[in-house]
Amino acid sequence: MKYLVVGLGNIGSEYENTRHNIGFDVLDVLAKEAKLEFENLRYGAVATYKYKGKSIILLKPSTYMNLSGKAVRYWMQQEKISQENVLVVVDDLALPFASVRMRQKGSDAGHNGLKNIQEILGNANYSRIRFGIGDNYSRGKQIDYVLGKWTKDEEPALHEPIDIAIKMIQGFATIGPARTMNAYNKK
């Protein structure tokens, strides 16, 4: 059984360590812990993660956030992965900072990466891990906040939720999304 886990973000050094790139960051930590190297291939950086007999394709799209659906569709087709085995890791303004939630489907909530994936796939029936980045910005400063770097106070607080997101990825592939949500979605 194969799975596709997509961490959303933007390529380029100017986007490193920004709130919008938390999807990339989660996959980078997972790859480092598993001693995996990403390979730059078509539409993204890809690594194959073997976990408890499961093959999990980790994808960091190189298409930029707003065109993420192109990379998702390509790697689903390339690896013959069904939509029910796709998991997207994405930043979420609506969740409090450092909170992590898994959902099996849902709206794009105004997120351009999710919006494009939904357009390309024709529906929103794919699982996602929503990583809370909070909404601590002034009116009209949403883009600056989302594309802004983590503060010195925020950085140390990212370790635990990133670890939870990794456990959610592992659970998604081994015990399924429903049991994973029961185990890790905190009230």
Protein backbone atom coordinates (compact mmCIF):
# COMPACT_ATOMS: atom_id res chain seq x y z
CA MET A 1 0.00 0.00 0.00
CA LYS A 2 1.38 3.40 -1.01
CA TYR A 3 0.68 6.80 0.49
CA LEU A 4 1.44 10.33 -0.66
CA VAL A 5 2.19 12.91 2.02
CA VAL A 6 2.48 16.44 0.66
CA GLY A 7 4.01 19.22 2.72
CA LEU A 8 2.93 22.58 1.35
CA GLY A 9 5.34 25.48 1.09
CA ASN A 10 7.21 27.72 -1.31
CA ILE A 11 10.65 26.98 -2.70
CA GLY A 12 13.48 29.46 -2.31
CA SER A 13 15.63 30.68 0.55
CA GLU A 14 13.41 33.74 1.13
CA TYR A 15 10.62 31.39 2.26
CA GLU A 16 12.69 29.21 4.61
CA ASN A 17 11.50 29.23 8.24
CA THR A 18 8.30 31.08 7.36
CA ARG A 19 4.88 30.19 8.75
CA HIS A 20 3.62 29.35 5.25
CA ASN A 21 6.31 26.67 4.88
CA ILE A 22 5.43 24.57 7.92
CA GLY A 23 4.41 21.72 5.58
CA PHE A 24 7.96 21.62 4.20
CA ASP A 25 9.36 21.86 7.74
CA VAL A 26 7.36 18.88 9.02
CA LEU A 27 8.59 16.69 6.14
CA ASP A 28 12.17 17.93 6.61
CA VAL A 29 12.15 16.90 10.28
CA LEU A 30 10.61 13.51 9.41
CA ALA A 31 13.21 12.93 6.67
CA LYS A 32 16.06 13.92 9.00
CA GLU A 33 14.83 11.56 11.74
CA ALA A 34 14.46 8.72 9.21
CA LYS A 35 17.83 9.55 7.58
CA LEU A 36 16.23 10.20 4.20
CA GLU A 37 17.43 12.53 1.46
CA PHE A 38 15.02 14.42 -0.77
CA GLU A 39 15.68 14.15 -4.49
CA ASN A 40 14.68 16.99 -6.81
CA LEU A 41 12.38 15.40 -9.37
CA ARG A 42 9.51 16.56 -11.53
CA TYR A 43 7.28 19.08 -9.70
CA GLY A 44 9.03 18.64 -6.36
CA ALA A 45 11.50 17.23 -3.90
CA VAL A 46 10.65 13.59 -3.19
CA ALA A 47 11.75 10.97 -0.67
CA THR A 48 10.36 7.49 0.00
CA TYR A 49 9.76 6.73 3.67
CA LYS A 50 9.31 3.08 4.69
CA TYR A 51 7.36 2.75 7.91
CA LYS A 52 5.94 -0.49 9.36
CA GLY A 53 5.68 -2.09 5.95
CA LYS A 54 4.11 0.97 4.33
CA SER A 55 5.63 3.00 1.52
CA ILE A 56 5.07 6.72 2.04
CA ILE A 57 6.07 9.13 -0.71
CA LEU A 58 7.02 12.47 0.85
CA LEU A 59 6.55 15.40 -1.53
CA LYS A 60 7.55 19.05 -1.21
CA PRO A 61 6.10 20.62 -4.38
CA SER A 62 8.36 22.91 -6.39
CA THR A 63 5.37 24.48 -8.13
CA TYR A 64 4.92 27.21 -5.50
CA MET A 65 1.98 27.13 -3.13
CA ASN A 66 -0.67 28.39 -5.55
CA LEU A 67 -0.01 25.57 -8.05
CA SER A 68 0.40 22.68 -5.60
CA GLY A 69 -2.39 20.66 -7.22
CA LYS A 70 -0.29 20.06 -10.32
CA ALA A 71 2.41 18.32 -8.26
CA VAL A 72 -0.14 16.36 -6.21
CA ARG A 73 -1.93 15.05 -9.30
CA TYR A 74 1.35 14.17 -11.06
CA TRP A 75 2.71 12.15 -8.11
CA MET A 76 -0.64 10.47 -7.47
CA GLN A 77 -0.62 9.28 -11.09
CA GLN A 78 3.12 8.50 -11.17
CA GLU A 79 2.95 6.33 -8.04
CA LYS A 80 -0.61 5.06 -8.64
CA ILE A 81 -1.84 6.39 -5.29
CA SER A 82 -5.57 6.74 -4.69
CA GLN A 83 -6.94 9.99 -3.30
CA GLU A 84 -7.93 8.33 -0.02
CA ASN A 85 -4.20 7.71 0.57
CA VAL A 86 -3.23 11.37 0.11
CA LEU A 87 -2.41 13.53 3.12
CA VAL A 88 -1.55 17.25 2.86
CA VAL A 89 0.30 19.14 5.62
CA VAL A 90 -0.66 22.81 5.58
CA ASP A 91 -0.43 25.99 7.65
CA ASP A 92 -3.72 27.28 9.09
CA LEU A 93 -4.45 30.82 10.29
CA ALA A 94 -7.73 29.75 11.90
CA LEU A 95 -6.05 27.43 14.41
CA PRO A 96 -4.19 28.69 17.48
CA PHE A 97 -0.41 28.71 17.19
CA ALA A 98 1.18 25.24 17.51
CA SER A 99 -2.12 23.33 17.51
CA VAL A 100 -2.38 20.44 15.06
CA ARG A 101 -5.57 18.88 13.65
CA MET A 102 -6.21 16.17 11.11
CA ARG A 103 -9.30 16.19 8.90
CA GLN A 104 -10.39 13.68 6.25
CA LYS A 105 -11.87 16.37 4.04
CA GLY A 106 -12.99 19.96 4.21
CA SER A 107 -12.97 23.35 2.60
CA ASP A 108 -9.85 25.18 1.48
CA ALA A 109 -10.58 27.86 4.14
CA GLY A 110 -9.14 30.47 1.79
CA HIS A 111 -5.75 28.70 1.58
CA ASN A 112 -4.45 29.02 -1.98
CA GLY A 113 -2.52 25.74 -1.88
CA LEU A 114 -5.60 23.77 -0.82
CA LYS A 115 -7.75 25.74 -3.26
CA ASN A 116 -5.52 24.67 -6.16
CA ILE A 117 -5.41 21.03 -5.04
CA GLN A 118 -9.22 21.05 -4.82
CA GLU A 119 -9.50 22.58 -8.32
CA ILE A 120 -7.12 20.04 -9.86
CA LEU A 121 -8.58 16.99 -8.09
CA GLY A 122 -12.17 18.20 -8.57
CA ASN A 123 -13.09 17.78 -4.90
CA ALA A 124 -11.87 18.31 -1.33
CA ASN A 125 -12.02 14.64 -0.29
CA TYR A 126 -8.41 14.20 0.78
CA SER A 127 -6.96 14.18 4.27
CA ARG A 128 -5.03 17.09 5.66
CA ILE A 129 -3.05 18.01 8.74
CA ARG A 130 -3.77 21.61 9.62
CA PHE A 131 -0.90 23.18 11.55
CA GLY A 132 -1.98 26.25 13.50
CA ILE A 133 0.09 29.36 12.91
CA GLY A 134 -2.27 31.65 14.82
CA ASP A 135 -3.63 34.98 13.67
CA ASN A 136 -1.47 37.46 15.53
CA TYR A 137 -1.35 40.14 12.85
CA SER A 138 -2.76 43.61 12.29
CA ARG A 139 -5.58 44.29 9.88
CA GLY A 140 -4.28 44.19 6.29
CA LYS A 141 -1.05 42.42 7.30
CA GLN A 142 -2.13 38.81 6.76
CA ILE A 143 0.26 38.18 3.85
CA ASP A 144 3.21 39.65 5.77
CA TYR A 145 2.34 37.46 8.75
CA VAL A 146 1.92 34.23 6.77
CA LEU A 147 5.13 34.81 4.80
CA GLY A 148 6.95 36.09 7.90
CA LYS A 149 9.61 34.15 9.77
CA TRP A 150 8.87 32.43 13.08
CA THR A 151 9.75 34.61 16.06
CA LYS A 152 12.42 33.59 18.58
CA ASP A 153 9.60 32.83 21.05
CA GLU A 154 7.70 30.68 18.53
CA GLU A 155 10.62 28.56 17.26
CA PRO A 156 11.16 26.43 20.42
CA ALA A 157 7.39 25.85 20.67
CA LEU A 158 7.33 24.19 17.22
CA HIS A 159 9.14 20.99 18.24
CA GLU A 160 6.22 19.29 20.00
CA PRO A 161 3.54 20.03 17.35
CA ILE A 162 5.94 18.97 14.57
CA ASP A 163 6.46 15.67 16.43
CA ILE A 164 2.68 15.28 16.72
CA ALA A 165 2.29 15.95 12.98
CA ILE A 166 4.88 13.24 12.26
CA LYS A 167 2.99 10.80 14.49
CA MET A 168 -0.18 11.72 12.57
CA ILE A 169 1.57 10.94 9.27
CA GLN A 170 2.69 7.57 10.62
CA GLY A 171 -0.78 6.87 12.01
CA PHE A 172 -2.46 7.86 8.74
CA ALA A 173 -0.53 5.13 6.94
CA THR A 174 -0.81 2.44 9.64
CA ILE A 175 -4.06 2.81 11.61
CA GLY A 176 -5.97 5.09 9.22
CA PRO A 177 -7.21 8.67 9.49
CA ALA A 178 -10.19 8.06 11.81
CA ARG A 179 -8.15 6.34 14.54
CA THR A 180 -5.33 8.86 14.08
CA MET A 181 -7.75 11.76 14.56
CA ASN A 182 -9.13 10.11 17.71
CA ALA A 183 -5.63 9.68 19.08
CA TYR A 184 -4.17 13.09 18.26
CA ASN A 185 -6.85 15.72 17.66
CA LYS A 186 -6.95 17.49 21.01
CA LYS A 187 -10.08 19.25 22.17
